[in-house]
Amino acid sequence: MGLHKIFKIVALALAVIGIIFGIMIISGNEGQIDNMMYVAYAVFIAVVASVVLFTLVNTFTNPAALKSALMGLGFFALVALVCYFGLATGVETPLRDGETLSAGGSKLVGAGLYMFYALIIIASGTMLFTGIKKMIK
Protein backbone atom coordinates (compact mmCIF):
# COMPACT_ATOMS: atom_id res chain seq x y z
CA MET A 1 0.00 0.00 0.00
CA GLY A 2 1.47 3.29 -1.08
CA LEU A 3 2.03 6.26 1.19
CA HIS A 4 -0.47 8.29 -0.82
CA LYS A 5 -3.17 5.70 -0.18
CA ILE A 6 -2.43 5.70 3.55
CA PHE A 7 -2.70 9.49 3.67
CA LYS A 8 -6.01 9.36 1.80
CA ILE A 9 -7.40 6.82 4.31
CA VAL A 10 -6.20 8.84 7.31
CA ALA A 11 -7.63 12.03 5.81
CA LEU A 12 -10.96 10.32 5.17
CA ALA A 13 -11.10 8.94 8.74
CA LEU A 14 -10.29 12.35 10.25
CA ALA A 15 -12.89 14.00 8.01
CA VAL A 16 -15.57 11.53 9.11
CA ILE A 17 -14.66 12.06 12.78
CA GLY A 18 -14.75 15.82 12.27
CA ILE A 19 -18.17 15.62 10.59
CA ILE A 20 -19.54 13.51 13.44
CA PHE A 21 -18.26 15.94 16.07
CA GLY A 22 -19.51 18.90 14.02
CA ILE A 23 -23.02 17.40 13.88
CA MET A 24 -22.90 16.77 17.63
CA ILE A 25 -21.93 20.41 18.27
CA ILE A 26 -24.65 21.72 15.95
CA SER A 27 -27.24 19.54 17.66
CA GLY A 28 -26.56 21.31 20.96
CA ASN A 29 -23.93 19.15 22.63
CA GLU A 30 -21.26 21.79 23.26
CA GLY A 31 -19.27 19.34 25.37
CA GLN A 32 -17.90 17.87 22.17
CA ILE A 33 -15.95 21.01 21.31
CA ASP A 34 -12.93 19.60 23.18
CA ASN A 35 -13.06 16.45 21.06
CA MET A 36 -13.33 18.56 17.91
CA MET A 37 -10.24 20.47 18.99
CA TYR A 38 -8.33 17.19 19.41
CA VAL A 39 -9.24 16.25 15.86
CA ALA A 40 -8.11 19.69 14.67
CA TYR A 41 -4.81 19.30 16.55
CA ALA A 42 -4.31 15.85 15.03
CA VAL A 43 -4.93 17.18 11.52
CA PHE A 44 -2.62 20.14 12.13
CA ILE A 45 0.18 17.91 13.44
CA ALA A 46 -0.26 15.47 10.55
CA VAL A 47 -0.10 18.28 7.98
CA VAL A 48 2.94 19.94 9.53
CA ALA A 49 4.74 16.59 9.93
CA SER A 50 4.08 15.57 6.32
CA VAL A 51 5.16 18.96 4.98
CA VAL A 52 8.40 18.88 6.98
CA LEU A 53 9.08 15.24 6.10
CA PHE A 54 8.51 15.58 2.36
CA THR A 55 10.37 18.90 2.21
CA LEU A 56 13.41 17.40 3.91
CA VAL A 57 13.30 14.25 1.77
CA ASN A 58 13.02 16.29 -1.44
CA THR A 59 15.74 18.69 -0.34
CA PHE A 60 18.25 16.01 0.57
CA THR A 61 17.59 13.80 -2.47
CA ASN A 62 17.88 16.65 -4.96
CA PRO A 63 21.33 18.31 -4.93
CA ALA A 64 20.07 21.39 -6.79
CA ALA A 65 17.29 21.90 -4.24
CA LEU A 66 19.78 21.47 -1.39
CA LYS A 67 22.12 24.06 -2.92
CA SER A 68 19.23 26.48 -3.42
CA ALA A 69 17.97 25.98 0.15
CA LEU A 70 21.43 26.51 1.62
CA MET A 71 21.91 29.66 -0.46
CA GLY A 72 18.57 31.02 0.74
CA LEU A 73 19.48 30.18 4.33
CA GLY A 74 22.85 31.88 3.89
CA PHE A 75 21.29 35.07 2.49
CA PHE A 76 18.74 35.06 5.33
CA ALA A 77 21.57 34.73 7.89
CA LEU A 78 23.48 37.53 6.14
CA VAL A 79 20.48 39.85 6.34
CA ALA A 80 20.03 38.93 10.02
CA LEU A 81 23.69 39.65 10.81
CA VAL A 82 23.65 42.98 8.95
CA CYS A 83 20.47 44.03 10.76
CA TYR A 84 21.76 42.98 14.18
CA PHE A 85 25.34 44.25 14.02
CA GLY A 86 24.95 47.08 11.52
CA LEU A 87 21.58 48.69 12.07
CA ALA A 88 20.18 47.89 15.50
CA THR A 89 21.11 49.74 18.66
CA GLY A 90 20.38 48.57 22.17
CA VAL A 91 19.17 50.87 24.93
CA GLU A 92 17.85 49.81 28.33
CA THR A 93 14.15 50.62 28.33
CA PRO A 94 11.78 50.73 31.31
CA LEU A 95 8.56 48.80 30.63
CA ARG A 96 5.04 49.64 31.83
CA ASP A 97 4.92 46.77 34.31
CA GLY A 98 7.99 48.04 36.17
CA GLU A 99 10.44 45.64 34.55
CA THR A 100 13.36 46.77 32.43
CA LEU A 101 14.14 45.60 28.92
CA SER A 102 17.87 44.97 28.67
CA ALA A 103 20.05 46.57 26.04
CA GLY A 104 20.54 43.15 24.41
CA GLY A 105 16.79 42.54 24.30
CA SER A 106 16.22 45.99 22.86
CA LYS A 107 18.86 45.33 20.20
CA LEU A 108 17.16 42.02 19.29
CA VAL A 109 13.79 43.75 18.92
CA GLY A 110 15.33 46.48 16.79
CA ALA A 111 17.16 43.95 14.63
CA GLY A 112 13.91 42.00 14.17
CA LEU A 113 12.12 45.13 12.99
CA TYR A 114 14.95 46.11 10.64
CA MET A 115 15.03 42.56 9.29
CA PHE A 116 11.26 42.61 8.72
CA TYR A 117 11.58 45.86 6.75
CA ALA A 118 14.56 44.57 4.79
CA LEU A 119 12.79 41.34 3.84
CA ILE A 120 9.71 43.31 2.74
CA ILE A 121 11.89 45.48 0.50
CA ILE A 122 13.73 42.44 -0.89
CA ALA A 123 10.48 40.57 -1.59
CA SER A 124 8.85 43.62 -3.20
CA GLY A 125 11.92 44.25 -5.33
CA THR A 126 12.04 40.62 -6.43
CA MET A 127 8.36 40.63 -7.41
CA LEU A 128 8.76 43.92 -9.24
CA PHE A 129 11.87 42.67 -11.06
CA THR A 130 10.19 39.43 -12.15
CA GLY A 131 7.06 41.29 -13.24
CA ILE A 132 9.06 43.70 -15.36
CA LYS A 133 11.16 40.85 -16.74
CA LYS A 134 8.00 38.97 -17.83
CA MET A 135 6.56 42.09 -19.45
CA ILE A 136 9.73 42.63 -21.48
CA LYS A 137 9.77 39.06 -22.85
C-alpha atoms as a PDB file:
ATOM      1  CA  MET A   1       0.000   0.000   0.000  1.00  0.00           C
ATOM      2  CA  GLY A   2       1.474   3.295  -1.077  1.00  0.00           C
ATOM      3  CA  LEU A   3       2.030   6.257   1.185  1.00  0.00           C
ATOM      4  CA  HIS A   4      -0.468   8.288  -0.820  1.00  0.00           C
ATOM      5  CA  LYS A   5      -3.174   5.704  -0.177  1.00  0.00           C
ATOM      6  CA  ILE A   6      -2.430   5.700   3.554  1.00  0.00           C
ATOM      7  CA  PHE A   7      -2.704   9.488   3.666  1.00  0.00           C
ATOM      8  CA  LYS A   8      -6.011   9.358   1.805  1.00  0.00           C
ATOM      9  CA  ILE A   9      -7.403   6.823   4.306  1.00  0.00           C
ATOM     10  CA  VAL A  10      -6.200   8.842   7.314  1.00  0.00           C
ATOM     11  CA  ALA A  11      -7.635  12.034   5.808  1.00  0.00           C
ATOM     12  CA  LEU A  12     -10.957  10.324   5.174  1.00  0.00           C
ATOM     13  CA  ALA A  13     -11.097   8.944   8.738  1.00  0.00           C
ATOM     14  CA  LEU A  14     -10.293  12.353  10.248  1.00  0.00           C
ATOM     15  CA  ALA A  15     -12.889  14.004   8.007  1.00  0.00           C
ATOM     16  CA  VAL A  16     -15.574  11.531   9.111  1.00  0.00           C
ATOM     17  CA  ILE A  17     -14.661  12.055  12.776  1.00  0.00           C
ATOM     18  CA  GLY A  18     -14.752  15.821  12.267  1.00  0.00           C
ATOM     19  CA  ILE A  19     -18.173  15.624  10.587  1.00  0.00           C
ATOM     20  CA  ILE A  20     -19.541  13.510  13.444  1.00  0.00           C
ATOM     21  CA  PHE A  21     -18.263  15.940  16.074  1.00  0.00           C
ATOM     22  CA  GLY A  22     -19.513  18.895  14.017  1.00  0.00           C
ATOM     23  CA  ILE A  23     -23.022  17.402  13.875  1.00  0.00           C
ATOM     24  CA  MET A  24     -22.900  16.775  17.635  1.00  0.00           C
ATOM     25  CA  ILE A  25     -21.927  20.409  18.266  1.00  0.00           C
ATOM     26  CA  ILE A  26     -24.655  21.723  15.953  1.00  0.00           C
ATOM     27  CA  SER A  27     -27.239  19.540  17.658  1.00  0.00           C
ATOM     28  CA  GLY A  28     -26.563  21.308  20.957  1.00  0.00           C
ATOM     29  CA  ASN A  29     -23.927  19.148  22.629  1.00  0.00           C
ATOM     30  CA  GLU A  30     -21.258  21.791  23.260  1.00  0.00           C
ATOM     31  CA  GLY A  31     -19.274  19.342  25.374  1.00  0.00           C
ATOM     32  CA  GLN A  32     -17.898  17.867  22.167  1.00  0.00           C
ATOM     33  CA  ILE A  33     -15.945  21.012  21.315  1.00  0.00           C
ATOM     34  CA  ASP A  34     -12.925  19.605  23.180  1.00  0.00           C
ATOM     35  CA  ASN A  35     -13.057  16.455  21.055  1.00  0.00           C
ATOM     36  CA  MET A  36     -13.333  18.557  17.910  1.00  0.00           C
ATOM     37  CA  MET A  37     -10.236  20.474  18.987  1.00  0.00           C
ATOM     38  CA  TYR A  38      -8.332  17.191  19.415  1.00  0.00           C
ATOM     39  CA  VAL A  39      -9.236  16.251  15.857  1.00  0.00           C
ATOM     40  CA  ALA A  40      -8.111  19.692  14.673  1.00  0.00           C
ATOM     41  CA  TYR A  41      -4.811  19.302  16.545  1.00  0.00           C
ATOM     42  CA  ALA A  42      -4.308  15.851  15.028  1.00  0.00           C
ATOM     43  CA  VAL A  43      -4.930  17.178  11.520  1.00  0.00           C
ATOM     44  CA  PHE A  44      -2.618  20.136  12.127  1.00  0.00           C
ATOM     45  CA  ILE A  45       0.175  17.909  13.442  1.00  0.00           C
ATOM     46  CA  ALA A  46      -0.261  15.473  10.546  1.00  0.00           C
ATOM     47  CA  VAL A  47      -0.101  18.277   7.978  1.00  0.00           C
ATOM     48  CA  VAL A  48       2.942  19.937   9.530  1.00  0.00           C
ATOM     49  CA  ALA A  49       4.745  16.592   9.928  1.00  0.00           C
ATOM     50  CA  SER A  50       4.085  15.575   6.325  1.00  0.00           C
ATOM     51  CA  VAL A  51       5.164  18.964   4.976  1.00  0.00           C
ATOM     52  CA  VAL A  52       8.396  18.880   6.983  1.00  0.00           C
ATOM     53  CA  LEU A  53       9.081  15.241   6.098  1.00  0.00           C
ATOM     54  CA  PHE A  54       8.506  15.578   2.364  1.00  0.00           C
ATOM     55  CA  THR A  55      10.370  18.896   2.210  1.00  0.00           C
ATOM     56  CA  LEU A  56      13.406  17.403   3.908  1.00  0.00           C
ATOM     57  CA  VAL A  57      13.299  14.246   1.771  1.00  0.00           C
ATOM     58  CA  ASN A  58      13.024  16.291  -1.436  1.00  0.00           C
ATOM     59  CA  THR A  59      15.737  18.685  -0.343  1.00  0.00           C
ATOM     60  CA  PHE A  60      18.253  16.013   0.566  1.00  0.00           C
ATOM     61  CA  THR A  61      17.592  13.798  -2.470  1.00  0.00           C
ATOM     62  CA  ASN A  62      17.876  16.646  -4.963  1.00  0.00           C
ATOM     63  CA  PRO A  63      21.325  18.311  -4.929  1.00  0.00           C
ATOM     64  CA  ALA A  64      20.074  21.392  -6.793  1.00  0.00           C
ATOM     65  CA  ALA A  65      17.294  21.903  -4.238  1.00  0.00           C
ATOM     66  CA  LEU A  66      19.784  21.469  -1.386  1.00  0.00           C
ATOM     67  CA  LYS A  67      22.119  24.055  -2.918  1.00  0.00           C
ATOM     68  CA  SER A  68      19.227  26.478  -3.421  1.00  0.00           C
ATOM     69  CA  ALA A  69      17.970  25.980   0.150  1.00  0.00           C
ATOM     70  CA  LEU A  70      21.434  26.511   1.619  1.00  0.00           C
ATOM     71  CA  MET A  71      21.915  29.663  -0.459  1.00  0.00           C
ATOM     72  CA  GLY A  72      18.572  31.016   0.743  1.00  0.00           C
ATOM     73  CA  LEU A  73      19.477  30.181   4.325  1.00  0.00           C
ATOM     74  CA  GLY A  74      22.849  31.883   3.887  1.00  0.00           C
ATOM     75  CA  PHE A  75      21.287  35.066   2.491  1.00  0.00           C
ATOM     76  CA  PHE A  76      18.741  35.063   5.333  1.00  0.00           C
ATOM     77  CA  ALA A  77      21.568  34.733   7.885  1.00  0.00           C
ATOM     78  CA  LEU A  78      23.478  37.526   6.139  1.00  0.00           C
ATOM     79  CA  VAL A  79      20.478  39.851   6.340  1.00  0.00           C
ATOM     80  CA  ALA A  80      20.032  38.933  10.020  1.00  0.00           C
ATOM     81  CA  LEU A  81      23.685  39.654  10.812  1.00  0.00           C
ATOM     82  CA  VAL A  82      23.651  42.985   8.951  1.00  0.00           C
ATOM     83  CA  CYS A  83      20.472  44.034  10.760  1.00  0.00           C
ATOM     84  CA  TYR A  84      21.764  42.975  14.182  1.00  0.00           C
ATOM     85  CA  PHE A  85      25.335  44.250  14.019  1.00  0.00           C
ATOM     86  CA  GLY A  86      24.948  47.083  11.517  1.00  0.00           C
ATOM     87  CA  LEU A  87      21.582  48.693  12.071  1.00  0.00           C
ATOM     88  CA  ALA A  88      20.179  47.890  15.502  1.00  0.00           C
ATOM     89  CA  THR A  89      21.109  49.739  18.662  1.00  0.00           C
ATOM     90  CA  GLY A  90      20.380  48.572  22.169  1.00  0.00           C
ATOM     91  CA  VAL A  91      19.171  50.869  24.934  1.00  0.00           C
ATOM     92  CA  GLU A  92      17.853  49.809  28.334  1.00  0.00           C
ATOM     93  CA  THR A  93      14.153  50.616  28.334  1.00  0.00           C
ATOM     94  CA  PRO A  94      11.776  50.726  31.313  1.00  0.00           C
ATOM     95  CA  LEU A  95       8.560  48.804  30.634  1.00  0.00           C
ATOM     96  CA  ARG A  96       5.039  49.640  31.832  1.00  0.00           C
ATOM     97  CA  ASP A  97       4.917  46.771  34.314  1.00  0.00           C
ATOM     98  CA  GLY A  98       7.989  48.042  36.175  1.00  0.00           C
ATOM     99  CA  GLU A  99      10.442  45.644  34.553  1.00  0.00           C
ATOM    100  CA  THR A 100      13.359  46.774  32.432  1.00  0.00           C
ATOM    101  CA  LEU A 101      14.142  45.599  28.915  1.00  0.00           C
ATOM    102  CA  SER A 102      17.870  44.975  28.673  1.00  0.00           C
ATOM    103  CA  ALA A 103      20.054  46.573  26.038  1.00  0.00           C
ATOM    104  CA  GLY A 104      20.540  43.155  24.408  1.00  0.00           C
ATOM    105  CA  GLY A 105      16.791  42.542  24.303  1.00  0.00           C
ATOM    106  CA  SER A 106      16.224  45.993  22.864  1.00  0.00           C
ATOM    107  CA  LYS A 107      18.863  45.330  20.203  1.00  0.00           C
ATOM    108  CA  LEU A 108      17.158  42.016  19.291  1.00  0.00           C
ATOM    109  CA  VAL A 109      13.787  43.746  18.925  1.00  0.00           C
ATOM    110  CA  GLY A 110      15.325  46.479  16.789  1.00  0.00           C
ATOM    111  CA  ALA A 111      17.159  43.946  14.635  1.00  0.00           C
ATOM    112  CA  GLY A 112      13.914  42.001  14.167  1.00  0.00           C
ATOM    113  CA  LEU A 113      12.121  45.125  12.992  1.00  0.00           C
ATOM    114  CA  TYR A 114      14.946  46.109  10.636  1.00  0.00           C
ATOM    115  CA  MET A 115      15.030  42.558   9.289  1.00  0.00           C
ATOM    116  CA  PHE A 116      11.263  42.615   8.722  1.00  0.00           C
ATOM    117  CA  TYR A 117      11.577  45.859   6.754  1.00  0.00           C
ATOM    118  CA  ALA A 118      14.560  44.571   4.785  1.00  0.00           C
ATOM    119  CA  LEU A 119      12.785  41.344   3.843  1.00  0.00           C
ATOM    120  CA  ILE A 120       9.705  43.312   2.740  1.00  0.00           C
ATOM    121  CA  ILE A 121      11.892  45.484   0.503  1.00  0.00           C
ATOM    122  CA  ILE A 122      13.735  42.441  -0.888  1.00  0.00           C
ATOM    123  CA  ALA A 123      10.477  40.566  -1.587  1.00  0.00           C
ATOM    124  CA  SER A 124       8.853  43.617  -3.202  1.00  0.00           C
ATOM    125  CA  GLY A 125      11.920  44.253  -5.335  1.00  0.00           C
ATOM    126  CA  THR A 126      12.040  40.624  -6.435  1.00  0.00           C
ATOM    127  CA  MET A 127       8.355  40.631  -7.411  1.00  0.00           C
ATOM    128  CA  LEU A 128       8.762  43.922  -9.237  1.00  0.00           C
ATOM    129  CA  PHE A 129      11.875  42.674 -11.056  1.00  0.00           C
ATOM    130  CA  THR A 130      10.188  39.430 -12.148  1.00  0.00           C
ATOM    131  CA  GLY A 131       7.055  41.291 -13.235  1.00  0.00           C
ATOM    132  CA  ILE A 132       9.058  43.703 -15.356  1.00  0.00           C
ATOM    133  CA  LYS A 133      11.157  40.846 -16.742  1.00  0.00           C
ATOM    134  CA  LYS A 134       8.002  38.966 -17.827  1.00  0.00           C
ATOM    135  CA  MET A 135       6.557  42.091 -19.446  1.00  0.00           C
ATOM    136  CA  ILE A 136       9.725  42.630 -21.476  1.00  0.00           C
ATOM    137  CA  LYS A 137       9.774  39.060 -22.847  1.00  0.00           C
END
